[in-house]
Amino acid sequence: MKQYDKLLILPAIIIIIAGIFSGFSNQSYDQIAEDLLRERTEILQNAYYGKIDRNKAEAALSKIETYPLLSEDVGNLKDYDASQLDIVKSMDFIIVNQETKMFDYISFHTKIRWYMSGLSSDYVSENEYSVILKSTSEGYKLSEFNPKQEY
């Protein structure tokens, strides 16, 4: 009987170790959404304040966004006025809840606390958003980022 116990212990240990390490290799959808939104914010900030040119910004956005958000952001880059934009100092994700996953799309309800720097002073703003990720051959990309409507 003891010989069979030894035969079962080794596969059990392998299964436990594989289960633990498999969790480290895959990012959660929530974390992917957060990372993409942070990257989008950084790219747009850099473009609006002249740290990168519009073409580089469009190329960088195309790596993390898809339509319709990509066309909206590219259009905004062409029509922006940096003097009217406040600077995003940092952002905290208060809520990132996955709502649905259907076909190639995952929708989220998010609440973001923005730490901003305006012309007259620094301030904090909290807003809720609807975020949609789309699965593409290159991974997940932001497809929509819209403020939640209050009724």
N, C-alpha and C. Protein backbone atom coordinates (compact mmCIF):
# COMPACT_ATOMS: atom_id res chain seq x y z
N MET A 1 0.81 -1.20 0.00
CA MET A 1 0.00 0.00 0.00
C MET A 1 0.86 1.26 0.00
N LYS A 2 1.97 1.25 0.70
CA LYS A 2 2.83 2.41 0.78
C LYS A 2 3.48 2.73 -0.57
N GLN A 3 3.72 1.72 -1.40
CA GLN A 3 4.30 1.96 -2.72
C GLN A 3 3.35 2.76 -3.59
N TYR A 4 2.05 2.50 -3.46
CA TYR A 4 1.06 3.23 -4.25
C TYR A 4 0.95 4.68 -3.78
N ASP A 5 1.13 4.91 -2.49
CA ASP A 5 1.10 6.28 -1.98
C ASP A 5 2.21 7.11 -2.62
N LYS A 6 3.38 6.53 -2.76
CA LYS A 6 4.51 7.24 -3.37
C LYS A 6 4.22 7.55 -4.84
N LEU A 7 3.55 6.65 -5.51
CA LEU A 7 3.21 6.88 -6.92
C LEU A 7 2.20 8.00 -7.08
N LEU A 8 1.33 8.19 -6.10
CA LEU A 8 0.32 9.25 -6.19
C LEU A 8 0.85 10.60 -5.74
N ILE A 9 1.83 10.61 -4.88
CA ILE A 9 2.35 11.87 -4.35
C ILE A 9 3.04 12.69 -5.44
N LEU A 10 3.88 12.08 -6.25
CA LEU A 10 4.60 12.80 -7.30
C LEU A 10 3.67 13.47 -8.31
N PRO A 11 2.68 12.77 -8.88
CA PRO A 11 1.76 13.47 -9.80
C PRO A 11 0.95 14.56 -9.10
N ALA A 12 0.59 14.34 -7.85
CA ALA A 12 -0.17 15.36 -7.12
C ALA A 12 0.67 16.62 -6.95
N ILE A 13 1.94 16.48 -6.64
CA ILE A 13 2.82 17.63 -6.48
C ILE A 13 2.98 18.36 -7.81
N ILE A 14 3.13 17.63 -8.88
CA ILE A 14 3.28 18.24 -10.21
C ILE A 14 2.02 19.03 -10.58
N ILE A 15 0.86 18.48 -10.30
CA ILE A 15 -0.41 19.16 -10.61
C ILE A 15 -0.54 20.43 -9.78
N ILE A 16 -0.18 20.37 -8.51
CA ILE A 16 -0.28 21.55 -7.64
C ILE A 16 0.67 22.65 -8.13
N ILE A 17 1.91 22.30 -8.44
CA ILE A 17 2.88 23.29 -8.91
C ILE A 17 2.44 23.89 -10.24
N ALA A 18 1.97 23.06 -11.16
CA ALA A 18 1.50 23.57 -12.46
C ALA A 18 0.31 24.50 -12.27
N GLY A 19 -0.57 24.18 -11.35
CA GLY A 19 -1.73 25.03 -11.08
C GLY A 19 -1.34 26.38 -10.52
N ILE A 20 -0.35 26.38 -9.64
CA ILE A 20 0.10 27.64 -9.04
C ILE A 20 0.76 28.52 -10.09
N PHE A 21 1.69 27.97 -10.87
CA PHE A 21 2.43 28.78 -11.83
C PHE A 21 1.61 29.16 -13.05
N SER A 22 0.58 28.44 -13.38
CA SER A 22 -0.25 28.83 -14.52
C SER A 22 -1.00 30.11 -14.23
N GLY A 23 -1.30 30.38 -12.97
CA GLY A 23 -1.97 31.62 -12.60
C GLY A 23 -1.09 32.84 -12.79
N PHE A 24 0.23 32.66 -12.75
CA PHE A 24 1.14 33.78 -12.92
C PHE A 24 1.36 34.14 -14.38
N SER A 25 1.12 33.21 -15.27
CA SER A 25 1.43 33.46 -16.67
C SER A 25 0.34 34.23 -17.39
N ASN A 26 -0.89 34.14 -16.98
CA ASN A 26 -1.98 34.82 -17.65
C ASN A 26 -2.43 36.03 -16.85
N GLN A 27 -2.42 37.21 -17.50
CA GLN A 27 -2.93 38.40 -16.86
C GLN A 27 -4.45 38.33 -16.82
N SER A 28 -5.04 38.87 -15.78
CA SER A 28 -6.49 38.92 -15.73
C SER A 28 -6.99 39.97 -16.72
N TYR A 29 -8.21 39.82 -17.15
CA TYR A 29 -8.80 40.79 -18.07
C TYR A 29 -8.84 42.18 -17.43
N ASP A 30 -9.12 42.22 -16.11
CA ASP A 30 -9.15 43.50 -15.41
C ASP A 30 -7.80 44.21 -15.52
N GLN A 31 -6.73 43.47 -15.31
CA GLN A 31 -5.40 44.06 -15.37
C GLN A 31 -5.05 44.50 -16.78
N ILE A 32 -5.47 43.74 -17.77
CA ILE A 32 -5.23 44.12 -19.16
C ILE A 32 -5.92 45.44 -19.46
N ALA A 33 -7.18 45.58 -19.02
CA ALA A 33 -7.93 46.82 -19.24
C ALA A 33 -7.22 48.00 -18.57
N GLU A 34 -6.80 47.82 -17.33
CA GLU A 34 -6.09 48.89 -16.62
C GLU A 34 -4.81 49.28 -17.35
N ASP A 35 -4.03 48.30 -17.73
CA ASP A 35 -2.76 48.59 -18.42
C ASP A 35 -2.98 49.33 -19.73
N LEU A 36 -3.98 48.91 -20.50
CA LEU A 36 -4.26 49.57 -21.78
C LEU A 36 -4.73 51.01 -21.57
N LEU A 37 -5.55 51.24 -20.55
CA LEU A 37 -6.04 52.60 -20.28
C LEU A 37 -4.90 53.51 -19.81
N ARG A 38 -4.01 52.97 -19.00
CA ARG A 38 -2.85 53.76 -18.56
C ARG A 38 -1.96 54.12 -19.76
N GLU A 39 -1.73 53.14 -20.62
CA GLU A 39 -0.89 53.37 -21.79
C GLU A 39 -1.53 54.39 -22.73
N ARG A 40 -2.84 54.28 -22.93
CA ARG A 40 -3.56 55.23 -23.78
C ARG A 40 -3.43 56.64 -23.23
N THR A 41 -3.62 56.79 -21.93
CA THR A 41 -3.52 58.10 -21.29
C THR A 41 -2.12 58.69 -21.48
N GLU A 42 -1.10 57.88 -21.31
CA GLU A 42 0.27 58.35 -21.47
C GLU A 42 0.55 58.78 -22.91
N ILE A 43 0.10 57.99 -23.86
CA ILE A 43 0.32 58.33 -25.28
C ILE A 43 -0.37 59.64 -25.63
N LEU A 44 -1.63 59.78 -25.23
CA LEU A 44 -2.37 61.00 -25.55
C LEU A 44 -1.76 62.22 -24.87
N GLN A 45 -1.36 62.08 -23.60
CA GLN A 45 -0.71 63.19 -22.90
C GLN A 45 0.57 63.62 -23.62
N ASN A 46 1.39 62.64 -23.99
CA ASN A 46 2.65 62.94 -24.68
C ASN A 46 2.40 63.63 -26.01
N ALA A 47 1.37 63.20 -26.71
CA ALA A 47 1.05 63.82 -28.00
C ALA A 47 0.50 65.23 -27.82
N TYR A 48 -0.40 65.40 -26.87
CA TYR A 48 -1.01 66.72 -26.66
C TYR A 48 0.01 67.77 -26.24
N TYR A 49 1.02 67.36 -25.50
CA TYR A 49 2.00 68.33 -25.01
C TYR A 49 3.33 68.29 -25.76
N GLY A 50 3.32 67.71 -26.97
CA GLY A 50 4.45 67.80 -27.87
C GLY A 50 5.65 66.94 -27.55
N LYS A 51 5.51 65.96 -26.67
CA LYS A 51 6.64 65.07 -26.36
C LYS A 51 6.85 64.05 -27.48
N ILE A 52 5.78 63.71 -28.20
CA ILE A 52 5.88 62.87 -29.39
C ILE A 52 5.02 63.50 -30.48
N ASP A 53 5.40 63.28 -31.73
CA ASP A 53 4.60 63.88 -32.81
C ASP A 53 3.35 63.04 -33.08
N ARG A 54 2.47 63.62 -33.83
CA ARG A 54 1.16 63.00 -34.08
C ARG A 54 1.29 61.64 -34.76
N ASN A 55 2.20 61.49 -35.70
CA ASN A 55 2.36 60.21 -36.39
C ASN A 55 2.80 59.10 -35.44
N LYS A 56 3.73 59.41 -34.56
CA LYS A 56 4.17 58.42 -33.58
C LYS A 56 3.03 58.07 -32.62
N ALA A 57 2.26 59.07 -32.25
CA ALA A 57 1.12 58.83 -31.36
C ALA A 57 0.09 57.93 -32.03
N GLU A 58 -0.20 58.20 -33.29
CA GLU A 58 -1.16 57.36 -34.03
C GLU A 58 -0.66 55.93 -34.14
N ALA A 59 0.63 55.75 -34.41
CA ALA A 59 1.19 54.40 -34.50
C ALA A 59 1.12 53.68 -33.15
N ALA A 60 1.42 54.40 -32.09
CA ALA A 60 1.37 53.80 -30.75
C ALA A 60 -0.06 53.44 -30.37
N LEU A 61 -1.00 54.32 -30.69
CA LEU A 61 -2.41 54.05 -30.38
C LEU A 61 -2.92 52.85 -31.18
N SER A 62 -2.47 52.70 -32.41
CA SER A 62 -2.96 51.59 -33.23
C SER A 62 -2.51 50.23 -32.68
N LYS A 63 -1.49 50.23 -31.84
CA LYS A 63 -1.03 48.98 -31.22
C LYS A 63 -1.90 48.57 -30.03
N ILE A 64 -2.61 49.54 -29.43
CA ILE A 64 -3.40 49.23 -28.24
C ILE A 64 -4.89 49.48 -28.41
N GLU A 65 -5.28 50.09 -29.54
CA GLU A 65 -6.69 50.41 -29.78
C GLU A 65 -7.16 49.85 -31.11
N THR A 66 -8.47 49.68 -31.19
CA THR A 66 -9.11 49.32 -32.45
C THR A 66 -10.34 50.22 -32.60
N TYR A 67 -11.04 50.04 -33.67
CA TYR A 67 -12.19 50.90 -33.97
C TYR A 67 -13.37 50.56 -33.09
N PRO A 68 -14.16 51.51 -32.67
CA PRO A 68 -14.24 52.91 -33.06
C PRO A 68 -13.34 53.85 -32.25
N LEU A 69 -12.78 53.40 -31.12
CA LEU A 69 -11.98 54.29 -30.28
C LEU A 69 -10.76 54.84 -31.01
N LEU A 70 -10.11 54.04 -31.81
CA LEU A 70 -8.92 54.49 -32.53
C LEU A 70 -9.24 55.68 -33.43
N SER A 71 -10.33 55.60 -34.17
CA SER A 71 -10.67 56.73 -35.06
C SER A 71 -11.04 57.97 -34.26
N GLU A 72 -11.68 57.80 -33.11
CA GLU A 72 -12.01 58.95 -32.26
C GLU A 72 -10.74 59.63 -31.75
N ASP A 73 -9.80 58.83 -31.26
CA ASP A 73 -8.57 59.40 -30.72
C ASP A 73 -7.71 60.06 -31.80
N VAL A 74 -7.63 59.44 -32.96
CA VAL A 74 -6.87 60.03 -34.06
C VAL A 74 -7.50 61.36 -34.48
N GLY A 75 -8.81 61.40 -34.54
CA GLY A 75 -9.51 62.65 -34.86
C GLY A 75 -9.26 63.72 -33.80
N ASN A 76 -9.25 63.32 -32.54
CA ASN A 76 -8.99 64.28 -31.46
C ASN A 76 -7.56 64.81 -31.51
N LEU A 77 -6.63 63.98 -31.92
CA LEU A 77 -5.23 64.44 -32.04
C LEU A 77 -5.10 65.54 -33.08
N LYS A 78 -5.90 65.46 -34.13
CA LYS A 78 -5.83 66.46 -35.19
C LYS A 78 -6.46 67.78 -34.77
N ASP A 79 -7.42 67.74 -33.85
CA ASP A 79 -8.20 68.93 -33.51
C ASP A 79 -7.98 69.44 -32.09
N TYR A 80 -6.91 69.05 -31.43
CA TYR A 80 -6.75 69.43 -30.03
C TYR A 80 -6.14 70.81 -29.88
N ASP A 81 -6.36 71.38 -28.70
CA ASP A 81 -5.74 72.63 -28.30
C ASP A 81 -5.14 72.38 -26.92
N ALA A 82 -3.83 72.21 -26.85
CA ALA A 82 -3.15 71.82 -25.61
C ALA A 82 -3.37 72.83 -24.49
N SER A 83 -3.61 74.09 -24.83
CA SER A 83 -3.78 75.10 -23.79
C SER A 83 -5.07 74.91 -23.01
N GLN A 84 -6.01 74.15 -23.55
CA GLN A 84 -7.28 73.93 -22.86
C GLN A 84 -7.35 72.58 -22.15
N LEU A 85 -6.25 71.82 -22.17
CA LEU A 85 -6.25 70.50 -21.56
C LEU A 85 -5.50 70.50 -20.25
N ASP A 86 -6.07 69.87 -19.25
CA ASP A 86 -5.39 69.70 -17.97
C ASP A 86 -4.48 68.49 -18.06
N ILE A 87 -3.46 68.48 -17.24
CA ILE A 87 -2.47 67.41 -17.25
C ILE A 87 -2.90 66.32 -16.27
N VAL A 88 -2.85 65.07 -16.72
CA VAL A 88 -3.13 63.93 -15.86
C VAL A 88 -1.83 63.59 -15.13
N LYS A 89 -1.82 63.80 -13.83
CA LYS A 89 -0.62 63.48 -13.04
C LYS A 89 -0.56 61.99 -12.75
N SER A 90 -1.71 61.40 -12.42
CA SER A 90 -1.79 59.96 -12.19
C SER A 90 -3.25 59.55 -12.18
N MET A 91 -3.47 58.25 -12.16
CA MET A 91 -4.83 57.72 -12.13
C MET A 91 -4.87 56.45 -11.29
N ASP A 92 -5.94 56.30 -10.52
CA ASP A 92 -6.17 55.10 -9.72
C ASP A 92 -7.45 54.45 -10.19
N PHE A 93 -7.42 53.14 -10.30
CA PHE A 93 -8.62 52.40 -10.67
C PHE A 93 -9.33 51.97 -9.40
N ILE A 94 -10.48 52.57 -9.16
CA ILE A 94 -11.27 52.27 -7.96
C ILE A 94 -12.09 51.00 -8.18
N ILE A 95 -12.72 50.92 -9.34
CA ILE A 95 -13.55 49.77 -9.71
C ILE A 95 -13.16 49.33 -11.11
N VAL A 96 -12.95 48.03 -11.29
CA VAL A 96 -12.80 47.44 -12.62
C VAL A 96 -13.55 46.12 -12.56
N ASN A 97 -14.80 46.16 -12.99
CA ASN A 97 -15.65 44.96 -12.95
C ASN A 97 -15.98 44.49 -14.36
N GLN A 98 -15.65 43.26 -14.63
CA GLN A 98 -16.03 42.69 -15.92
C GLN A 98 -17.53 42.45 -15.90
N GLU A 99 -18.23 42.96 -16.92
CA GLU A 99 -19.68 42.80 -16.99
C GLU A 99 -20.08 41.64 -17.87
N THR A 100 -19.61 41.64 -19.11
CA THR A 100 -19.97 40.55 -20.02
C THR A 100 -18.77 40.18 -20.89
N LYS A 101 -18.82 38.95 -21.37
CA LYS A 101 -17.84 38.50 -22.36
C LYS A 101 -18.65 37.80 -23.45
N MET A 102 -18.61 38.39 -24.66
CA MET A 102 -19.39 37.85 -25.75
C MET A 102 -18.56 37.89 -27.02
N PHE A 103 -18.41 36.73 -27.64
CA PHE A 103 -17.61 36.60 -28.85
C PHE A 103 -16.20 37.13 -28.58
N ASP A 104 -15.76 38.13 -29.32
CA ASP A 104 -14.41 38.67 -29.14
C ASP A 104 -14.38 39.90 -28.24
N TYR A 105 -15.46 40.21 -27.55
CA TYR A 105 -15.55 41.45 -26.77
C TYR A 105 -15.74 41.16 -25.29
N ILE A 106 -15.10 42.00 -24.46
CA ILE A 106 -15.29 41.94 -23.02
C ILE A 106 -15.63 43.36 -22.57
N SER A 107 -16.73 43.50 -21.85
CA SER A 107 -17.12 44.83 -21.38
C SER A 107 -16.87 44.95 -19.88
N PHE A 108 -16.53 46.17 -19.47
CA PHE A 108 -16.21 46.46 -18.07
C PHE A 108 -16.93 47.71 -17.61
N HIS A 109 -17.20 47.74 -16.33
CA HIS A 109 -17.62 48.97 -15.65
C HIS A 109 -16.41 49.39 -14.84
N THR A 110 -15.93 50.62 -15.06
CA THR A 110 -14.76 51.10 -14.33
C THR A 110 -15.06 52.42 -13.65
N LYS A 111 -14.37 52.64 -12.58
CA LYS A 111 -14.40 53.93 -11.89
C LYS A 111 -12.95 54.34 -11.70
N ILE A 112 -12.61 55.51 -12.23
CA ILE A 112 -11.23 55.98 -12.21
C ILE A 112 -11.15 57.28 -11.42
N ARG A 113 -10.15 57.34 -10.54
CA ARG A 113 -9.85 58.59 -9.83
C ARG A 113 -8.66 59.22 -10.54
N TRP A 114 -8.92 60.40 -11.10
CA TRP A 114 -7.90 61.13 -11.86
C TRP A 114 -7.28 62.20 -10.97
N TYR A 115 -5.97 62.25 -10.91
CA TYR A 115 -5.24 63.30 -10.21
C TYR A 115 -4.73 64.25 -11.30
N MET A 116 -5.29 65.44 -11.32
CA MET A 116 -5.10 66.36 -12.43
C MET A 116 -4.37 67.63 -11.98
N SER A 117 -3.77 68.29 -12.96
CA SER A 117 -3.16 69.59 -12.74
C SER A 117 -3.75 70.56 -13.75
N GLY A 118 -4.49 71.54 -13.25
CA GLY A 118 -5.12 72.52 -14.10
C GLY A 118 -4.33 73.82 -14.11
N LEU A 119 -4.88 74.82 -14.77
CA LEU A 119 -4.21 76.11 -14.84
C LEU A 119 -4.08 76.77 -13.48
N SER A 120 -5.12 76.66 -12.67
CA SER A 120 -5.11 77.36 -11.39
C SER A 120 -4.66 76.49 -10.22
N SER A 121 -4.92 75.18 -10.29
CA SER A 121 -4.53 74.32 -9.16
C SER A 121 -4.64 72.85 -9.54
N ASP A 122 -4.18 72.02 -8.63
CA ASP A 122 -4.33 70.58 -8.78
C ASP A 122 -5.69 70.18 -8.23
N TYR A 123 -6.26 69.12 -8.77
CA TYR A 123 -7.55 68.64 -8.29
C TYR A 123 -7.68 67.15 -8.56
N VAL A 124 -8.70 66.56 -7.94
CA VAL A 124 -8.99 65.13 -8.10
C VAL A 124 -10.40 65.00 -8.65
N SER A 125 -10.56 64.09 -9.60
CA SER A 125 -11.87 63.86 -10.20
C SER A 125 -12.12 62.35 -10.27
N GLU A 126 -13.32 61.93 -9.93
CA GLU A 126 -13.70 60.51 -10.05
C GLU A 126 -14.82 60.40 -11.07
N ASN A 127 -14.63 59.47 -12.02
CA ASN A 127 -15.63 59.27 -13.06
C ASN A 127 -15.79 57.79 -13.33
N GLU A 128 -17.00 57.42 -13.78
CA GLU A 128 -17.29 56.04 -14.14
C GLU A 128 -17.35 55.92 -15.66
N TYR A 129 -16.87 54.77 -16.15
CA TYR A 129 -16.77 54.57 -17.58
C TYR A 129 -17.23 53.17 -17.97
N SER A 130 -17.63 53.07 -19.22
CA SER A 130 -17.87 51.78 -19.85
C SER A 130 -16.68 51.54 -20.77
N VAL A 131 -16.02 50.40 -20.58
CA VAL A 131 -14.83 50.06 -21.35
C VAL A 131 -15.08 48.74 -22.06
N ILE A 132 -14.71 48.66 -23.32
CA ILE A 132 -14.84 47.41 -24.08
C ILE A 132 -13.49 47.06 -24.69
N LEU A 133 -13.06 45.83 -24.43
CA LEU A 133 -11.86 45.28 -25.04
C LEU A 133 -12.27 44.36 -26.17
N LYS A 134 -11.47 44.33 -27.22
CA LYS A 134 -11.71 43.42 -28.33
C LYS A 134 -10.50 42.51 -28.47
N SER A 135 -10.75 41.22 -28.62
CA SER A 135 -9.68 40.26 -28.85
C SER A 135 -9.32 40.30 -30.33
N THR A 136 -8.02 40.53 -30.60
CA THR A 136 -7.53 40.54 -31.98
C THR A 136 -6.39 39.53 -32.09
N SER A 137 -5.88 39.37 -33.27
CA SER A 137 -4.76 38.44 -33.46
C SER A 137 -3.51 38.89 -32.70
N GLU A 138 -3.45 40.17 -32.36
CA GLU A 138 -2.30 40.72 -31.63
C GLU A 138 -2.54 40.79 -30.13
N GLY A 139 -3.68 40.31 -29.65
CA GLY A 139 -4.01 40.40 -28.23
C GLY A 139 -5.24 41.28 -28.05
N TYR A 140 -5.45 41.70 -26.82
CA TYR A 140 -6.61 42.55 -26.53
C TYR A 140 -6.28 44.01 -26.80
N LYS A 141 -7.28 44.73 -27.35
CA LYS A 141 -7.15 46.15 -27.64
C LYS A 141 -8.38 46.87 -27.11
N LEU A 142 -8.21 48.15 -26.80
CA LEU A 142 -9.35 48.98 -26.39
C LEU A 142 -10.22 49.26 -27.61
N SER A 143 -11.50 49.01 -27.46
CA SER A 143 -12.43 49.28 -28.54
C SER A 143 -13.34 50.47 -28.22
N GLU A 144 -13.71 50.60 -26.96
CA GLU A 144 -14.55 51.73 -26.54
C GLU A 144 -14.15 52.17 -25.13
N PHE A 145 -14.28 53.48 -24.90
CA PHE A 145 -14.02 54.08 -23.59
C PHE A 145 -14.97 55.26 -23.49
N ASN A 146 -16.09 55.04 -22.80
CA ASN A 146 -17.14 56.05 -22.76
C ASN A 146 -17.54 56.35 -21.32
N PRO A 147 -17.80 57.63 -21.02
CA PRO A 147 -18.31 57.96 -19.68
C PRO A 147 -19.69 57.33 -19.48
N LYS A 148 -19.93 56.87 -18.26
CA LYS A 148 -21.26 56.31 -17.94
C LYS A 148 -22.25 57.45 -17.86
N GLN A 149 -23.41 57.23 -18.40
CA GLN A 149 -24.47 58.22 -18.36
C GLN A 149 -25.21 58.12 -17.03
N GLU A 150 -25.41 59.26 -16.37
CA GLU A 150 -26.18 59.27 -15.12
C GLU A 150 -27.63 59.61 -15.46
N TYR A 151 -28.51 58.85 -14.88
CA TYR A 151 -29.94 59.08 -15.15
C TYR A 151 -30.64 59.61 -13.93
